[in-house]
PDB file of N, CA and C in Angstrom:
ATOM      1  N   UNK A   1     112.735 -27.149-103.391  1.00  0.00           N
ATOM      2  CA  UNK A   1     113.085 -28.354-102.537  1.00  0.00           C
ATOM      3  C   UNK A   1     113.496 -28.170-101.246  1.00  0.00           C
ATOM      4  N   UNK A   2     113.629 -26.583-101.005  1.00  0.00           N
ATOM      5  CA  UNK A   2     114.049 -26.439 -99.759  1.00  0.00           C
ATOM      6  C   UNK A   2     113.231 -26.774 -98.516  1.00  0.00           C
ATOM      7  N   UNK A   3     111.731 -26.580 -98.972  1.00  0.00           N
ATOM      8  CA  UNK A   3     110.951 -26.660 -98.033  1.00  0.00           C
ATOM      9  C   UNK A   3     110.281 -27.927 -97.933  1.00  0.00           C
ATOM     10  N   UNK A   4     110.920 -28.839 -98.236  1.00  0.00           N
ATOM     11  CA  UNK A   4     110.786 -30.530 -98.024  1.00  0.00           C
ATOM     12  C   UNK A   4     111.820 -31.061 -97.121  1.00  0.00           C
ATOM     13  N   UNK A   5     111.336 -31.930 -95.926  1.00  0.00           N
ATOM     14  CA  UNK A   5     112.395 -32.197 -94.947  1.00  0.00           C
ATOM     15  C   UNK A   5     113.039 -32.954 -95.553  1.00  0.00           C
ATOM     16  N   UNK A   6     112.318 -34.078 -96.035  1.00  0.00           N
ATOM     17  CA  UNK A   6     113.214 -35.202 -96.487  1.00  0.00           C
ATOM     18  C   UNK A   6     112.570 -35.625 -97.689  1.00  0.00           C
ATOM     19  N   UNK A   7     113.391 -35.326 -98.597  1.00  0.00           N
ATOM     20  CA  UNK A   7     113.071 -35.759-100.167  1.00  0.00           C
ATOM     21  C   UNK A   7     112.997 -37.183-100.524  1.00  0.00           C
ATOM     22  N   UNK A   8     113.730 -37.751 -99.656  1.00  0.00           N
ATOM     23  CA  UNK A   8     113.787 -39.349-100.283  1.00  0.00           C
ATOM     24  C   UNK A   8     112.730 -40.124 -99.392  1.00  0.00           C
ATOM     25  N   UNK A   9     111.901 -39.534 -98.571  1.00  0.00           N
ATOM     26  CA  UNK A   9     110.802 -40.068 -98.007  1.00  0.00           C
ATOM     27  C   UNK A   9     109.538 -40.110 -98.997  1.00  0.00           C
ATOM     28  N   UNK A  10     109.086 -41.472 -98.712  1.00  0.00           N
ATOM     29  CA  UNK A  10     107.995 -41.470 -99.821  1.00  0.00           C
ATOM     30  C   UNK A  10     106.672 -40.906 -99.593  1.00  0.00           C
ATOM     31  N   UNK A  11     106.043 -40.321-100.383  1.00  0.00           N
ATOM     32  CA  UNK A  11     104.799 -39.791 -99.925  1.00  0.00           C
ATOM     33  C   UNK A  11     103.803 -40.903 -99.687  1.00  0.00           C
ATOM     34  N   UNK A  12     102.775 -40.315 -98.673  1.00  0.00           N
ATOM     35  CA  UNK A  12     101.627 -41.451 -98.113  1.00  0.00           C
ATOM     36  C   UNK A  12     100.662 -41.613 -99.421  1.00  0.00           C
ATOM     37  N   UNK A  13     100.260 -42.788 -99.330  1.00  0.00           N
ATOM     38  CA  UNK A  13      99.414 -43.230-100.417  1.00  0.00           C
ATOM     39  C   UNK A  13      98.126 -42.400-100.255  1.00  0.00           C
ATOM     40  N   UNK A  14      97.084 -41.993-101.062  1.00  0.00           N
ATOM     41  CA  UNK A  14      96.317 -41.457-101.059  1.00  0.00           C
ATOM     42  C   UNK A  14      95.170 -42.524-100.170  1.00  0.00           C
ATOM     43  N   UNK A  15      95.272 -43.446-100.338  1.00  0.00           N
ATOM     44  CA  UNK A  15      94.115 -44.394 -99.684  1.00  0.00           C
ATOM     45  C   UNK A  15      94.560 -44.313 -98.359  1.00  0.00           C
ATOM     46  N   UNK A  16      96.004 -44.393 -97.858  1.00  0.00           N
ATOM     47  CA  UNK A  16      96.393 -44.430 -96.206  1.00  0.00           C
ATOM     48  C   UNK A  16      95.986 -43.259 -95.963  1.00  0.00           C
ATOM     49  N   UNK A  17      95.899 -42.200 -96.301  1.00  0.00           N
ATOM     50  CA  UNK A  17      95.067 -40.860 -95.896  1.00  0.00           C
ATOM     51  C   UNK A  17      93.628 -40.706 -95.904  1.00  0.00           C
ATOM     52  N   UNK A  18      93.314 -41.483 -96.985  1.00  0.00           N
ATOM     53  CA  UNK A  18      91.657 -41.178 -96.654  1.00  0.00           C
ATOM     54  C   UNK A  18      91.247 -42.247 -95.557  1.00  0.00           C
ATOM     55  N   UNK A  19      91.603 -43.154 -95.366  1.00  0.00           N
ATOM     56  CA  UNK A  19      91.284 -43.974 -94.093  1.00  0.00           C
ATOM     57  C   UNK A  19      91.778 -43.761 -92.615  1.00  0.00           C
ATOM     58  N   UNK A  20      92.457 -42.671 -92.768  1.00  0.00           N
ATOM     59  CA  UNK A  20      93.002 -42.020 -91.302  1.00  0.00           C
ATOM     60  C   UNK A  20      94.568 -42.816 -90.925  1.00  0.00           C
ATOM     61  N   UNK A  21      94.718 -43.311 -91.839  1.00  0.00           N
ATOM     62  CA  UNK A  21      96.401 -43.635 -91.546  1.00  0.00           C
ATOM     63  C   UNK A  21      97.331 -42.753 -91.940  1.00  0.00           C
ATOM     64  N   UNK A  22      97.167 -41.760 -92.148  1.00  0.00           N
ATOM     65  CA  UNK A  22      98.109 -40.522 -92.566  1.00  0.00           C
ATOM     66  C   UNK A  22      98.784 -39.883 -91.324  1.00  0.00           C
ATOM     67  N   UNK A  23      99.463 -38.499 -91.839  1.00  0.00           N
ATOM     68  CA  UNK A  23      99.812 -38.113 -90.600  1.00  0.00           C
ATOM     69  C   UNK A  23      98.931 -37.181 -89.796  1.00  0.00           C
ATOM     70  N   UNK A  24      97.819 -36.965 -90.412  1.00  0.00           N
ATOM     71  CA  UNK A  24      96.472 -36.375 -89.592  1.00  0.00           C
ATOM     72  C   UNK A  24      95.361 -37.147 -89.212  1.00  0.00           C
ATOM     73  N   UNK A  25      95.255 -38.483 -89.428  1.00  0.00           N
ATOM     74  CA  UNK A  25      94.590 -39.328 -88.978  1.00  0.00           C
ATOM     75  C   UNK A  25      93.847 -39.566 -87.846  1.00  0.00           C
ATOM     76  N   UNK A  26      94.602 -40.746 -87.178  1.00  0.00           N
ATOM     77  CA  UNK A  26      94.005 -41.194 -85.707  1.00  0.00           C
ATOM     78  C   UNK A  26      94.414 -39.930 -84.983  1.00  0.00           C
ATOM     79  N   UNK A  27      95.311 -39.159 -84.991  1.00  0.00           N
ATOM     80  CA  UNK A  27      95.631 -38.423 -83.883  1.00  0.00           C
ATOM     81  C   UNK A  27      94.502 -37.129 -83.818  1.00  0.00           C
ATOM     82  N   UNK A  28      94.113 -36.683 -85.140  1.00  0.00           N
ATOM     83  CA  UNK A  28      93.042 -35.763 -85.085  1.00  0.00           C
ATOM     84  C   UNK A  28      91.329 -36.603 -84.898  1.00  0.00           C
ATOM     85  N   UNK A  29      91.256 -37.862 -85.282  1.00  0.00           N
ATOM     86  CA  UNK A  29      90.106 -38.316 -84.614  1.00  0.00           C
ATOM     87  C   UNK A  29      90.093 -38.415 -82.942  1.00  0.00           C
ATOM     88  N   UNK A  30      91.303 -38.546 -82.465  1.00  0.00           N
ATOM     89  CA  UNK A  30      91.525 -38.979 -81.002  1.00  0.00           C
ATOM     90  C   UNK A  30      91.125 -37.460 -80.272  1.00  0.00           C
ATOM     91  N   UNK A  31      91.960 -36.289 -81.168  1.00  0.00           N
ATOM     92  CA  UNK A  31      91.788 -35.166 -80.576  1.00  0.00           C
ATOM     93  C   UNK A  31      90.355 -34.642 -80.516  1.00  0.00           C
ATOM     94  N   UNK A  32      89.659 -35.123 -81.577  1.00  0.00           N
ATOM     95  CA  UNK A  32      88.104 -34.398 -81.661  1.00  0.00           C
ATOM     96  C   UNK A  32      87.287 -35.641 -80.633  1.00  0.00           C
ATOM     97  N   UNK A  33      87.747 -36.379 -79.780  1.00  0.00           N
ATOM     98  CA  UNK A  33      86.820 -37.419 -79.201  1.00  0.00           C
ATOM     99  C   UNK A  33      86.305 -38.260 -80.092  1.00  0.00           C
ATOM    100  N   UNK A  34      87.055 -38.822 -81.223  1.00  0.00           N
ATOM    101  CA  UNK A  34      86.098 -39.918 -81.934  1.00  0.00           C
ATOM    102  C   UNK A  34      86.637 -41.208 -81.925  1.00  0.00           C
ATOM    103  N   UNK A  35      87.453 -41.740 -81.076  1.00  0.00           N
ATOM    104  CA  UNK A  35      88.136 -42.768 -81.303  1.00  0.00           C
ATOM    105  C   UNK A  35      87.490 -43.652 -79.931  1.00  0.00           C
ATOM    106  N   UNK A  36      87.038 -43.481 -79.425  1.00  0.00           N
ATOM    107  CA  UNK A  36      86.144 -43.884 -78.305  1.00  0.00           C
ATOM    108  C   UNK A  36      84.289 -44.570 -79.046  1.00  0.00           C
ATOM    109  N   UNK A  37      83.998 -45.852 -78.549  1.00  0.00           N
ATOM    110  CA  UNK A  37      82.797 -45.944 -78.961  1.00  0.00           C
ATOM    111  C   UNK A  37      81.818 -44.853 -78.803  1.00  0.00           C
ATOM    112  N   UNK A  38      80.617 -44.482 -79.718  1.00  0.00           N
ATOM    113  CA  UNK A  38      79.771 -43.598 -79.693  1.00  0.00           C
ATOM    114  C   UNK A  38      78.780 -44.159 -78.650  1.00  0.00           C
ATOM    115  N   UNK A  39      77.935 -43.014 -77.990  1.00  0.00           N
ATOM    116  CA  UNK A  39      76.757 -43.274 -76.781  1.00  0.00           C
ATOM    117  C   UNK A  39      75.917 -44.006 -78.002  1.00  0.00           C
ATOM    118  N   UNK A  40      74.771 -44.727 -77.117  1.00  0.00           N
ATOM    119  CA  UNK A  40      73.475 -45.201 -77.996  1.00  0.00           C
ATOM    120  C   UNK A  40      72.731 -43.787 -78.187  1.00  0.00           C
ATOM    121  N   UNK A  41      72.000 -44.449 -79.162  1.00  0.00           N
ATOM    122  CA  UNK A  41      70.886 -43.473 -79.671  1.00  0.00           C
ATOM    123  C   UNK A  41      70.156 -42.745 -78.705  1.00  0.00           C
ATOM    124  N   UNK A  42      69.728 -43.115 -77.669  1.00  0.00           N
ATOM    125  CA  UNK A  42      68.808 -42.749 -76.362  1.00  0.00           C
ATOM    126  C   UNK A  42      69.715 -41.568 -75.841  1.00  0.00           C
ATOM    127  N   UNK A  43      70.643 -41.903 -75.474  1.00  0.00           N
ATOM    128  CA  UNK A  43      71.831 -41.242 -74.756  1.00  0.00           C
ATOM    129  C   UNK A  43      72.066 -40.053 -75.372  1.00  0.00           C
ATOM    130  N   UNK A  44      72.563 -40.231 -76.872  1.00  0.00           N
ATOM    131  CA  UNK A  44      72.737 -38.986 -77.758  1.00  0.00           C
ATOM    132  C   UNK A  44      71.329 -37.824 -77.984  1.00  0.00           C
ATOM    133  N   UNK A  45      70.244 -38.521 -77.920  1.00  0.00           N
ATOM    134  CA  UNK A  45      68.752 -37.817 -78.134  1.00  0.00           C
ATOM    135  C   UNK A  45      68.720 -37.062 -77.051  1.00  0.00           C
ATOM    136  N   UNK A  46      68.942 -37.586 -75.765  1.00  0.00           N
ATOM    137  CA  UNK A  46      68.626 -36.826 -74.320  1.00  0.00           C
ATOM    138  C   UNK A  46      69.823 -35.440 -74.192  1.00  0.00           C
ATOM    139  N   UNK A  47      70.890 -35.836 -74.594  1.00  0.00           N
ATOM    140  CA  UNK A  47      71.899 -34.933 -74.465  1.00  0.00           C
ATOM    141  C   UNK A  47      71.759 -33.758 -75.654  1.00  0.00           C
ATOM    142  N   UNK A  48      71.403 -34.315 -77.055  1.00  0.00           N
ATOM    143  CA  UNK A  48      70.601 -33.034 -77.735  1.00  0.00           C
ATOM    144  C   UNK A  48      69.709 -32.526 -76.995  1.00  0.00           C
ATOM    145  N   UNK A  49      68.685 -32.643 -76.639  1.00  0.00           N
ATOM    146  CA  UNK A  49      67.446 -32.116 -75.896  1.00  0.00           C
ATOM    147  C   UNK A  49      68.263 -31.341 -74.686  1.00  0.00           C
ATOM    148  N   UNK A  50      68.851 -31.419 -74.113  1.00  0.00           N
ATOM    149  CA  UNK A  50      69.547 -30.855 -72.838  1.00  0.00           C
ATOM    150  C   UNK A  50      70.359 -29.780 -73.349  1.00  0.00           C
ATOM    151  N   UNK A  51      71.031 -29.883 -74.204  1.00  0.00           N
ATOM    152  CA  UNK A  51      71.720 -28.888 -75.032  1.00  0.00           C
ATOM    153  C   UNK A  51      71.020 -27.812 -75.801  1.00  0.00           C
ATOM    154  N   UNK A  52      69.874 -28.008 -76.344  1.00  0.00           N
ATOM    155  CA  UNK A  52      68.987 -27.162 -76.972  1.00  0.00           C
ATOM    156  C   UNK A  52      68.214 -26.521 -75.838  1.00  0.00           C
ATOM    157  N   UNK A  53      67.879 -27.149 -74.599  1.00  0.00           N
ATOM    158  CA  UNK A  53      67.042 -26.428 -73.825  1.00  0.00           C
ATOM    159  C   UNK A  53      68.466 -25.656 -72.948  1.00  0.00           C
ATOM    160  N   UNK A  54      69.402 -25.843 -73.131  1.00  0.00           N
ATOM    161  CA  UNK A  54      70.471 -24.775 -72.354  1.00  0.00           C
ATOM    162  C   UNK A  54      70.783 -23.778 -73.572  1.00  0.00           C
ATOM    163  N   UNK A  55      70.880 -24.045 -74.463  1.00  0.00           N
ATOM    164  CA  UNK A  55      70.962 -22.881 -75.551  1.00  0.00           C
ATOM    165  C   UNK A  55      69.677 -22.013 -75.615  1.00  0.00           C
ATOM    166  N   UNK A  56      68.486 -22.384 -75.455  1.00  0.00           N
ATOM    167  CA  UNK A  56      67.487 -21.860 -75.419  1.00  0.00           C
ATOM    168  C   UNK A  56      67.443 -20.668 -74.514  1.00  0.00           C
ATOM    169  N   UNK A  57      67.796 -20.894 -73.259  1.00  0.00           N
ATOM    170  CA  UNK A  57      67.895 -20.043 -72.084  1.00  0.00           C
ATOM    171  C   UNK A  57      68.873 -19.150 -72.319  1.00  0.00           C
ATOM    172  N   UNK A  58      69.740 -19.330 -73.207  1.00  0.00           N
ATOM    173  CA  UNK A  58      70.768 -18.153 -73.399  1.00  0.00           C
ATOM    174  C   UNK A  58      70.193 -17.115 -74.569  1.00  0.00           C
ATOM    175  N   UNK A  59      69.126 -17.563 -75.124  1.00  0.00           N
ATOM    176  CA  UNK A  59      68.760 -16.433 -76.022  1.00  0.00           C
ATOM    177  C   UNK A  59      68.053 -15.252 -75.678  1.00  0.00           C
ATOM    178  N   UNK A  60      68.651 -14.163 -76.155  1.00  0.00           N
ATOM    179  CA  UNK A  60      67.872 -12.904 -75.712  1.00  0.00           C
ATOM    180  C   UNK A  60      66.427 -12.765 -76.707  1.00  0.00           C
ATOM    181  N   UNK A  61      65.605 -12.705 -76.390  1.00  0.00           N
ATOM    182  CA  UNK A  61      64.152 -12.696 -76.923  1.00  0.00           C
ATOM    183  C   UNK A  61      63.647 -11.316 -76.993  1.00  0.00           C
ATOM    184  N   UNK A  62      63.405 -10.803 -77.893  1.00  0.00           N
ATOM    185  CA  UNK A  62      62.826  -9.400 -78.085  1.00  0.00           C
ATOM    186  C   UNK A  62      61.664  -9.009 -77.549  1.00  0.00           C
ATOM    187  N   UNK A  63      61.402  -7.730 -77.085  1.00  0.00           N
ATOM    188  CA  UNK A  63      60.224  -7.398 -76.327  1.00  0.00           C
ATOM    189  C   UNK A  63      58.889  -7.482 -77.416  1.00  0.00           C
ATOM    190  N   UNK A  64      57.820  -7.155 -76.812  1.00  0.00           N
ATOM    191  CA  UNK A  64      56.569  -7.165 -77.577  1.00  0.00           C
ATOM    192  C   UNK A  64      56.866  -6.074 -78.247  1.00  0.00           C
ATOM    193  N   UNK A  65      57.130  -4.738 -78.234  1.00  0.00           N
ATOM    194  CA  UNK A  65      57.248  -3.206 -78.615  1.00  0.00           C
ATOM    195  C   UNK A  65      58.257  -3.586 -79.746  1.00  0.00           C
ATOM    196  N   UNK A  66      59.661  -4.047 -79.606  1.00  0.00           N
ATOM    197  CA  UNK A  66      60.237  -4.705 -80.587  1.00  0.00           C
ATOM    198  C   UNK A  66      59.268  -5.360 -81.851  1.00  0.00           C
ATOM    199  N   UNK A  67      58.997  -6.568 -81.569  1.00  0.00           N
ATOM    200  CA  UNK A  67      58.240  -6.958 -82.458  1.00  0.00           C
ATOM    201  C   UNK A  67      57.160  -6.403 -83.264  1.00  0.00           C
ATOM    202  N   UNK A  68      56.458  -5.775 -82.697  1.00  0.00           N
ATOM    203  CA  UNK A  68      55.448  -4.591 -83.281  1.00  0.00           C
ATOM    204  C   UNK A  68      55.928  -3.777 -84.402  1.00  0.00           C
ATOM    205  N   UNK A  69      57.396  -3.304 -83.524  1.00  0.00           N
ATOM    206  CA  UNK A  69      57.864  -1.957 -84.738  1.00  0.00           C
ATOM    207  C   UNK A  69      58.357  -2.733 -85.725  1.00  0.00           C
ATOM    208  N   UNK A  70      59.189  -3.784 -85.688  1.00  0.00           N
ATOM    209  CA  UNK A  70      59.964  -4.445 -86.910  1.00  0.00           C
ATOM    210  C   UNK A  70      58.935  -4.820 -87.613  1.00  0.00           C
ATOM    211  N   UNK A  71      57.751  -5.644 -87.272  1.00  0.00           N
ATOM    212  CA  UNK A  71      56.606  -6.049 -88.087  1.00  0.00           C
ATOM    213  C   UNK A  71      55.999  -4.698 -88.798  1.00  0.00           C
ATOM    214  N   UNK A  72      55.980  -3.639 -88.520  1.00  0.00           N
ATOM    215  CA  UNK A  72      55.201  -2.432 -89.129  1.00  0.00           C
ATOM    216  C   UNK A  72      56.427  -2.278 -89.991  1.00  0.00           C
ATOM    217  N   UNK A  73      57.572  -2.300 -89.697  1.00  0.00           N
ATOM    218  CA  UNK A  73      58.559  -1.684 -90.774  1.00  0.00           C
ATOM    219  C   UNK A  73      58.604  -2.388 -91.760  1.00  0.00           C
ATOM    220  N   UNK A  74      58.385  -3.979 -91.478  1.00  0.00           N
ATOM    221  CA  UNK A  74      58.620  -4.839 -92.790  1.00  0.00           C
ATOM    222  C   UNK A  74      57.349  -4.937 -93.717  1.00  0.00           C
ATOM    223  N   UNK A  75      56.355  -4.509 -93.024  1.00  0.00           N
ATOM    224  CA  UNK A  75      55.048  -4.267 -93.916  1.00  0.00           C
ATOM    225  C   UNK A  75      54.864  -2.771 -94.682  1.00  0.00           C
ATOM    226  N   UNK A  76      55.293  -1.957 -93.938  1.00  0.00           N
ATOM    227  CA  UNK A  76      55.559  -0.702 -94.971  1.00  0.00           C
ATOM    228  C   UNK A  76      56.492  -0.708 -95.782  1.00  0.00           C
ATOM    229  N   UNK A  77      57.736  -1.562 -95.743  1.00  0.00           N
ATOM    230  CA  UNK A  77      58.677  -1.790 -97.311  1.00  0.00           C
ATOM    231  C   UNK A  77      58.127  -2.650 -98.191  1.00  0.00           C
ATOM    232  N   UNK A  78      57.369  -3.600 -97.600  1.00  0.00           N
ATOM    233  CA  UNK A  78      56.586  -4.428 -98.327  1.00  0.00           C
ATOM    234  C   UNK A  78      55.741  -3.742 -99.429  1.00  0.00           C
ATOM    235  N   UNK A  79      54.962  -3.086 -99.022  1.00  0.00           N
ATOM    236  CA  UNK A  79      53.938  -2.286 -99.518  1.00  0.00           C
ATOM    237  C   UNK A  79      54.582  -1.308-100.249  1.00  0.00           C
ATOM    238  N   UNK A  80      55.412  -0.669-100.013  1.00  0.00           N
ATOM    239  CA  UNK A  80      56.524   0.457-100.875  1.00  0.00           C
ATOM    240  C   UNK A  80      56.607  -0.470-102.058  1.00  0.00           C
ATOM    241  N   UNK A  81      57.403  -1.524-101.906  1.00  0.00           N
ATOM    242  CA  UNK A  81      58.227  -2.024-103.249  1.00  0.00           C
ATOM    243  C   UNK A  81      57.134  -2.563-103.844  1.00  0.00           C
ATOM    244  N   UNK A  82      56.109  -2.991-103.453  1.00  0.00           N
ATOM    245  CA  UNK A  82      55.012  -3.594-104.188  1.00  0.00           C
ATOM    246  C   UNK A  82      54.518  -2.643-105.248  1.00  0.00           C
ATOM    247  N   UNK A  83      54.215  -1.426-104.554  1.00  0.00           N
ATOM    248  CA  UNK A  83      53.830  -0.069-105.449  1.00  0.00           C
ATOM    249  C   UNK A  83      54.756   0.114-106.220  1.00  0.00           C
ATOM    250  N   UNK A  84      56.060   0.324-105.718  1.00  0.00           N
ATOM    251  CA  UNK A  84      57.235   0.442-106.877  1.00  0.00           C
ATOM    252  C   UNK A  84      57.229   0.023-108.006  1.00  0.00           C
ATOM    253  N   UNK A  85      57.316  -1.642-107.817  1.00  0.00           N
ATOM    254  CA  UNK A  85      57.410  -2.803-108.945  1.00  0.00           C
ATOM    255  C   UNK A  85      55.985  -2.573-109.719  1.00  0.00           C
ATOM    256  N   UNK A  86      54.998  -2.331-108.988  1.00  0.00           N
ATOM    257  CA  UNK A  86      53.808  -2.211-109.862  1.00  0.00           C
ATOM    258  C   UNK A  86      53.936  -0.879-110.937  1.00  0.00           C
ATOM    259  N   UNK A  87      54.252   0.062-110.424  1.00  0.00           N
ATOM    260  CA  UNK A  87      54.473   0.968-111.114  1.00  0.00           C
ATOM    261  C   UNK A  87      55.828   0.919-112.421  1.00  0.00           C
ATOM    262  N   UNK A  88      56.847   0.502-111.997  1.00  0.00           N
ATOM    263  CA  UNK A  88      57.773   0.166-113.029  1.00  0.00           C
ATOM    264  C   UNK A  88      57.273  -0.592-113.962  1.00  0.00           C
ATOM    265  N   UNK A  89      56.461  -1.875-113.482  1.00  0.00           N
ATOM    266  CA  UNK A  89      56.196  -2.773-114.682  1.00  0.00           C
ATOM    267  C   UNK A  89      54.944  -2.213-115.524  1.00  0.00           C
ATOM    268  N   UNK A  90      54.246  -1.175-115.215  1.00  0.00           N
ATOM    269  CA  UNK A  90      53.300  -0.646-116.110  1.00  0.00           C
ATOM    270  C   UNK A  90      53.944   0.789-117.099  1.00  0.00           C
ATOM    271  N   UNK A  91      55.086   0.858-116.387  1.00  0.00           N
ATOM    272  CA  UNK A  91      55.631   1.716-117.353  1.00  0.00           C
ATOM    273  C   UNK A  91      56.235   1.287-118.414  1.00  0.00           C
ATOM    274  N   UNK A  92      56.966  -0.126-118.204  1.00  0.00           N
ATOM    275  CA  UNK A  92      57.784  -0.811-119.187  1.00  0.00           C
ATOM    276  C   UNK A  92      56.729  -1.229-120.259  1.00  0.00           C
ATOM    277  N   UNK A  93      55.416  -1.368-119.736  1.00  0.00           N
ATOM    278  CA  UNK A  93      54.357  -1.896-120.669  1.00  0.00           C
ATOM    279  C   UNK A  93      54.320  -0.971-121.828  1.00  0.00           C
ATOM    280  N   UNK A  94      53.827   0.388-120.902  1.00  0.00           N
ATOM    281  CA  UNK A  94      53.621   1.451-121.821  1.00  0.00           C
ATOM    282  C   UNK A  94      54.559   1.623-122.716  1.00  0.00           C
ATOM    283  N   UNK A  95      55.564   1.759-122.542  1.00  0.00           N
ATOM    284  CA  UNK A  95      56.718   1.949-123.436  1.00  0.00           C
ATOM    285  C   UNK A  95      57.089   0.601-124.275  1.00  0.00           C
ATOM    286  N   UNK A  96      56.736  -0.170-124.290  1.00  0.00           N
ATOM    287  CA  UNK A  96      56.984  -1.465-125.236  1.00  0.00           C
ATOM    288  C   UNK A  96      55.875  -1.466-125.848  1.00  0.00           C
ATOM    289  N   UNK A  97      54.481  -1.164-125.390  1.00  0.00           N
ATOM    290  CA  UNK A  97      53.519  -1.136-126.440  1.00  0.00           C
ATOM    291  C   UNK A  97      53.527   0.075-127.192  1.00  0.00           C
ATOM    292  N   UNK A  98      54.129   1.087-126.890  1.00  0.00           N
ATOM    293  CA  UNK A  98      54.377   2.243-127.600  1.00  0.00           C
ATOM    294  C   UNK A  98      55.335   2.066-128.800  1.00  0.00           C
ATOM    295  N   UNK A  99      56.397   1.270-128.366  1.00  0.00           N
ATOM    296  CA  UNK A  99      57.430   0.922-129.703  1.00  0.00           C
ATOM    297  C   UNK A  99      57.145  -0.206-130.308  1.00  0.00           C
ATOM    298  N   UNK A 100      56.169  -1.162-130.039  1.00  0.00           N
ATOM    299  CA  UNK A 100      55.367  -1.733-130.845  1.00  0.00           C
ATOM    300  C   UNK A 100      54.509  -1.284-131.904  1.00  0.00           C
ATOM    301  N   UNK A 101      53.692  -0.271-131.197  1.00  0.00           N
ATOM    302  CA  UNK A 101      53.098   0.332-132.251  1.00  0.00           C
ATOM    303  C   UNK A 101      53.754   1.611-133.303  1.00  0.00           C
ATOM    304  N   UNK A 102      54.828   2.038-132.861  1.00  0.00           N
ATOM    305  CA  UNK A 102      55.610   2.685-133.893  1.00  0.00           C
ATOM    306  C   UNK A 102      56.536   1.925-134.729  1.00  0.00           C
ATOM    307  N   UNK A 103      56.837   0.813-134.513  1.00  0.00           N
ATOM    308  CA  UNK A 103      57.159  -0.159-135.378  1.00  0.00           C
ATOM    309  C   UNK A 103      56.264  -0.791-136.207  1.00  0.00           C
ATOM    310  N   UNK A 104      55.131  -1.084-135.858  1.00  0.00           N
ATOM    311  CA  UNK A 104      54.051  -1.396-136.646  1.00  0.00           C
ATOM    312  C   UNK A 104      53.508  -0.594-138.026  1.00  0.00           C
ATOM    313  N   UNK A 105      53.679   0.921-137.445  1.00  0.00           N
ATOM    314  CA  UNK A 105      53.565   2.047-138.242  1.00  0.00           C
ATOM    315  C   UNK A 105      54.694   2.130-139.544  1.00  0.00           C
ATOM    316  N   UNK A 106      55.912   1.909-138.863  1.00  0.00           N
ATOM    317  CA  UNK A 106      57.055   2.123-139.886  1.00  0.00           C
ATOM    318  C   UNK A 106      56.773   1.018-140.765  1.00  0.00           C
ATOM    319  N   UNK A 107      56.899   0.029-140.461  1.00  0.00           N
ATOM    320  CA  UNK A 107      56.730  -1.163-141.279  1.00  0.00           C
ATOM    321  C   UNK A 107      55.212  -1.361-142.371  1.00  0.00           C
ATOM    322  N   UNK A 108      54.299  -0.841-141.651  1.00  0.00           N
ATOM    323  CA  UNK A 108      52.956  -0.686-142.714  1.00  0.00           C
ATOM    324  C   UNK A 108      52.000  -1.750-142.150  1.00  0.00           C
ATOM    325  N   UNK A 109      52.539  -2.571-141.361  1.00  0.00           N
ATOM    326  CA  UNK A 109      51.363  -3.527-140.899  1.00  0.00           C
ATOM    327  C   UNK A 109      50.389  -3.336-140.216  1.00  0.00           C
TER     328      UNK A 109
END
């Protein structure tokens, strides 16, 4: 009970906290800039496209050689794992068929 400032103070109702009337409601919205009316849809859309354009200018694009190198590395890795998984699959098929033949021979069918 030592961590409670005023134990006699009633707890805020869940409804009050849910609708922004609690201790973090209106202040938090005001801090985030949500207490004023929103701009119109065309204004928000224009701001979105301006922000996207500004962000795309900050992107560091890879050079042609970097793209070629990573593409080659990716293709080599894909081919390697395809061959590896093909071999593992065929080994399992061979082992399971052999086990099936042995079990059939043991049971006499």
